[in-house]
Protein backbone atom coordinates (compact mmCIF):
# COMPACT_ATOMS: atom_id res chain seq x y z
CA MET A 1 0.48 -1.41 45.17
CA SER A 2 -2.99 0.05 44.25
CA LYS A 3 -5.35 -0.59 42.22
CA ASN A 4 -4.22 1.86 39.33
CA ALA A 5 -1.04 0.96 39.38
CA ARG A 6 -1.64 -2.72 38.93
CA ILE A 7 -3.77 -2.33 35.97
CA ALA A 8 -1.59 0.10 34.38
CA LEU A 9 1.44 -2.83 35.26
CA ILE A 10 -0.64 -5.26 33.73
CA PHE A 11 -1.70 -2.99 30.64
CA GLY A 12 2.11 -2.17 29.73
CA GLY A 13 2.93 -6.05 30.52
CA PHE A 14 -0.07 -6.36 27.26
CA LEU A 15 1.49 -3.66 25.10
CA THR A 16 5.32 -4.76 25.40
CA ALA A 17 3.98 -8.17 24.75
CA ILE A 18 2.64 -7.28 21.34
CA ALA A 19 5.49 -5.15 20.36
CA ALA A 20 7.71 -7.77 21.02
CA ALA A 21 5.42 -10.05 18.70
CA PHE A 22 5.34 -7.95 15.92
CA TYR A 23 8.86 -6.82 16.08
CA PRO A 24 10.28 -9.52 14.14
CA ILE A 25 7.50 -9.83 11.87
CA PHE A 26 7.15 -6.22 10.84
CA VAL A 27 10.00 -4.08 11.88
CA TYR A 28 13.07 -6.42 11.55
CA PRO A 29 12.13 -6.46 8.23
CA MET A 30 12.04 -3.10 7.37
CA ALA A 31 14.82 -1.72 9.09
CA HIS A 32 17.43 -5.11 7.38
CA ASN A 33 15.91 -5.19 3.62
CA HIS A 34 19.32 -6.23 2.34
CA VAL A 35 19.84 -8.96 4.24
CA TYR A 36 16.00 -9.81 2.69
CA ARG A 37 17.49 -8.78 -0.37
CA ASP A 38 20.74 -10.63 -0.45
CA VAL A 39 18.53 -14.20 0.31
CA GLN A 40 16.46 -13.20 -2.20
CA LYS A 41 19.23 -13.05 -4.68
CA THR A 42 20.92 -16.21 -3.98
CA ASN A 43 17.68 -18.28 -3.90
CA ARG A 44 16.51 -16.88 -7.34
CA ALA A 45 20.21 -17.51 -9.30
CA GLY A 46 20.03 -19.94 -12.36
CA VAL A 47 15.89 -19.51 -11.93
CA ASN A 48 14.39 -18.87 -15.69
CA GLN A 49 11.09 -17.26 -15.13
CA ALA A 50 9.47 -17.73 -17.81
CA ASP A 51 9.44 -21.46 -17.09
CA ILE A 52 7.74 -21.21 -14.01
CA GLN A 53 5.28 -18.57 -14.60
CA PRO A 54 1.89 -19.91 -15.16
CA ALA A 55 0.88 -18.54 -18.38
CA GLY A 56 -1.18 -15.41 -18.76
CA MET A 57 0.32 -14.13 -15.44
CA LYS A 58 2.76 -11.18 -14.85
CA VAL A 59 6.52 -12.23 -14.48
CA TRP A 60 7.15 -11.80 -10.59
CA SER A 61 9.59 -8.94 -10.03
CA ASP A 62 11.68 -7.26 -7.42
CA PRO A 63 9.64 -5.94 -4.92
CA PHE A 64 12.35 -4.49 -3.01
CA LYS A 65 12.66 -2.14 -6.31
CA PRO A 66 11.49 1.91 -6.36
CA ALA A 67 8.76 2.80 -8.51
CA GLY A 68 9.47 4.34 -11.52
CA LYS A 69 13.06 3.11 -12.41
């Protein structure tokens, strides 16, 4: 195996490892946001926002809601 091919394989392997590490962090949640929306809906059921929100801070809202709606 030539030196250039070995360097290309090492560099390609490094990029593949980085992509494999970032996939579950960035790509999967963006592609499957309905799953996270359903989990949040279940977890927030029965929670009164006013009871848990510190005074003077904005009440949290749906992070998946499009702006302006």
